[in-house]
Structure formats: structure tokens, C-alpha cells
Amino acid sequence: MDNKIRKEPPIDRVRFFNARLACEAFSATNPPRVKEDVWDAVVTYSDGRNEYYAIGAPNKKECANGLRRKGIV
């Protein structure tokens, strides 16, 4: 049994996205922060709040593992 009290509201959804493509699509005046493809995540909590996590993983699976290592999910 886990006795830890979770301080954050429950997670509603986790979205992974390619950081290079997102940077190119939404920030035409700024060059991409990296040249290779890396994955970051946006976590949406049940209260509607979104939090961005710059994981910089080479694929979605490693991005999910990065969130787990940080204790997010």
C-alpha cells in the first residue's frame, strides 16, 4: 500500500510531441532549439492546468520513461 499523499490533482492526459517540428510550426522567427528529433510532453491535470516538460528524449517511449523518472506519472 502506498502511503504517499499526492499533492497534484490527478492527471487527465499526457501528450507527447516532436519538439523540433513544434518549434518550426509555431515559432517561424526562431530557429529550432535542436536539429535532431526529440520528444517533449505536456501533462494535463484534472483541474484543467497544463504543464510542459522538456524531456528531450529520442522517442515517445523514452519520453514516458523520463516522466516516470521525474515522478510526474
C-alpha atoms as a PDB file:
ATOM      1  CA  MET A   1       0.000   0.000   0.000  1.00  0.00           C
ATOM      2  CA  ASP A   2       1.325   3.395  -0.984  1.00  0.00           C
ATOM      3  CA  ASN A   3       1.156   5.879   1.898  1.00  0.00           C
ATOM      4  CA  LYS A   4       2.361   8.884  -0.103  1.00  0.00           C
ATOM      5  CA  ILE A   5      -0.094  11.765  -0.367  1.00  0.00           C
ATOM      6  CA  ARG A   6      -0.239  13.111  -3.906  1.00  0.00           C
ATOM      7  CA  LYS A   7      -0.011  16.909  -3.879  1.00  0.00           C
ATOM      8  CA  GLU A   8      -1.075  17.378  -7.505  1.00  0.00           C
ATOM      9  CA  PRO A   9      -4.586  16.743  -8.793  1.00  0.00           C
ATOM     10  CA  PRO A  10      -4.997  13.554 -10.837  1.00  0.00           C
ATOM     11  CA  ILE A  11      -3.551  13.525 -14.343  1.00  0.00           C
ATOM     12  CA  ASP A  12      -6.178  13.736 -17.065  1.00  0.00           C
ATOM     13  CA  ARG A  13      -3.919  13.145 -20.076  1.00  0.00           C
ATOM     14  CA  VAL A  14      -0.314  13.153 -21.291  1.00  0.00           C
ATOM     15  CA  ARG A  15       0.556  14.308 -24.797  1.00  0.00           C
ATOM     16  CA  PHE A  16       3.902  13.735 -26.472  1.00  0.00           C
ATOM     17  CA  PHE A  17       5.142  15.896 -29.320  1.00  0.00           C
ATOM     18  CA  ASN A  18       8.174  16.271 -31.514  1.00  0.00           C
ATOM     19  CA  ALA A  19       9.906  19.406 -30.195  1.00  0.00           C
ATOM     20  CA  ARG A  20      11.711  20.269 -33.432  1.00  0.00           C
ATOM     21  CA  LEU A  21       8.544  20.104 -35.531  1.00  0.00           C
ATOM     22  CA  ALA A  22       6.552  22.056 -32.946  1.00  0.00           C
ATOM     23  CA  CYS A  23       9.212  24.757 -32.832  1.00  0.00           C
ATOM     24  CA  GLU A  24       9.222  25.034 -36.629  1.00  0.00           C
ATOM     25  CA  ALA A  25       5.422  25.131 -36.802  1.00  0.00           C
ATOM     26  CA  PHE A  26       4.764  27.658 -34.038  1.00  0.00           C
ATOM     27  CA  SER A  27       7.887  29.798 -33.972  1.00  0.00           C
ATOM     28  CA  ALA A  28       8.835  30.711 -37.528  1.00  0.00           C
ATOM     29  CA  THR A  29      11.120  33.558 -36.412  1.00  0.00           C
ATOM     30  CA  ASN A  30      13.175  31.436 -34.012  1.00  0.00           C
ATOM     31  CA  PRO A  31      15.332  28.553 -35.222  1.00  0.00           C
ATOM     32  CA  PRO A  32      14.649  25.115 -33.730  1.00  0.00           C
ATOM     33  CA  ARG A  33      16.459  24.544 -30.439  1.00  0.00           C
ATOM     34  CA  VAL A  34      17.826  21.223 -31.689  1.00  0.00           C
ATOM     35  CA  LYS A  35      18.455  19.764 -35.114  1.00  0.00           C
ATOM     36  CA  GLU A  36      17.620  16.141 -34.334  1.00  0.00           C
ATOM     37  CA  ASP A  37      14.146  14.913 -33.432  1.00  0.00           C
ATOM     38  CA  VAL A  38      13.460  14.970 -29.691  1.00  0.00           C
ATOM     39  CA  TRP A  39      10.222  14.397 -27.801  1.00  0.00           C
ATOM     40  CA  ASP A  40       8.734  16.508 -25.017  1.00  0.00           C
ATOM     41  CA  ALA A  41       5.478  16.174 -23.079  1.00  0.00           C
ATOM     42  CA  VAL A  42       2.512  18.234 -21.938  1.00  0.00           C
ATOM     43  CA  VAL A  43       0.633  16.906 -18.915  1.00  0.00           C
ATOM     44  CA  THR A  44      -2.984  17.997 -18.408  1.00  0.00           C
ATOM     45  CA  TYR A  45      -4.328  17.706 -14.863  1.00  0.00           C
ATOM     46  CA  SER A  46      -7.977  17.176 -13.936  1.00  0.00           C
ATOM     47  CA  ASP A  47      -8.272  20.821 -12.859  1.00  0.00           C
ATOM     48  CA  GLY A  48      -7.516  21.891 -16.461  1.00  0.00           C
ATOM     49  CA  ARG A  49      -3.956  23.046 -15.836  1.00  0.00           C
ATOM     50  CA  ASN A  50      -1.282  22.137 -18.412  1.00  0.00           C
ATOM     51  CA  GLU A  51       2.399  21.694 -17.626  1.00  0.00           C
ATOM     52  CA  TYR A  52       5.141  21.416 -20.224  1.00  0.00           C
ATOM     53  CA  TYR A  53       8.111  19.116 -19.590  1.00  0.00           C
ATOM     54  CA  ALA A  54      11.196  19.430 -21.799  1.00  0.00           C
ATOM     55  CA  ILE A  55      12.322  15.813 -21.675  1.00  0.00           C
ATOM     56  CA  GLY A  56      14.376  15.805 -24.891  1.00  0.00           C
ATOM     57  CA  ALA A  57      14.040  12.054 -25.406  1.00  0.00           C
ATOM     58  CA  PRO A  58      14.830  10.351 -28.732  1.00  0.00           C
ATOM     59  CA  ASN A  59      11.378   8.673 -28.921  1.00  0.00           C
ATOM     60  CA  LYS A  60       7.965   8.603 -27.215  1.00  0.00           C
ATOM     61  CA  LYS A  61       8.777   5.565 -25.078  1.00  0.00           C
ATOM     62  CA  GLU A  62      11.881   7.224 -23.619  1.00  0.00           C
ATOM     63  CA  CYS A  63       9.875  10.408 -23.082  1.00  0.00           C
ATOM     64  CA  ALA A  64       7.347   8.441 -20.999  1.00  0.00           C
ATOM     65  CA  ASN A  65      10.209   6.873 -19.052  1.00  0.00           C
ATOM     66  CA  GLY A  66      11.636  10.353 -18.430  1.00  0.00           C
ATOM     67  CA  LEU A  67       8.302  11.449 -16.926  1.00  0.00           C
ATOM     68  CA  ARG A  68       8.321   8.367 -14.699  1.00  0.00           C
ATOM     69  CA  ARG A  69      11.901   9.039 -13.550  1.00  0.00           C
ATOM     70  CA  LYS A  70      10.921  12.575 -12.582  1.00  0.00           C
ATOM     71  CA  GLY A  71       7.923  11.247 -10.628  1.00  0.00           C
ATOM     72  CA  ILE A  72       5.366  13.010 -12.831  1.00  0.00           C
ATOM     73  CA  VAL A  73       3.393   9.898 -13.811  1.00  0.00           C
END
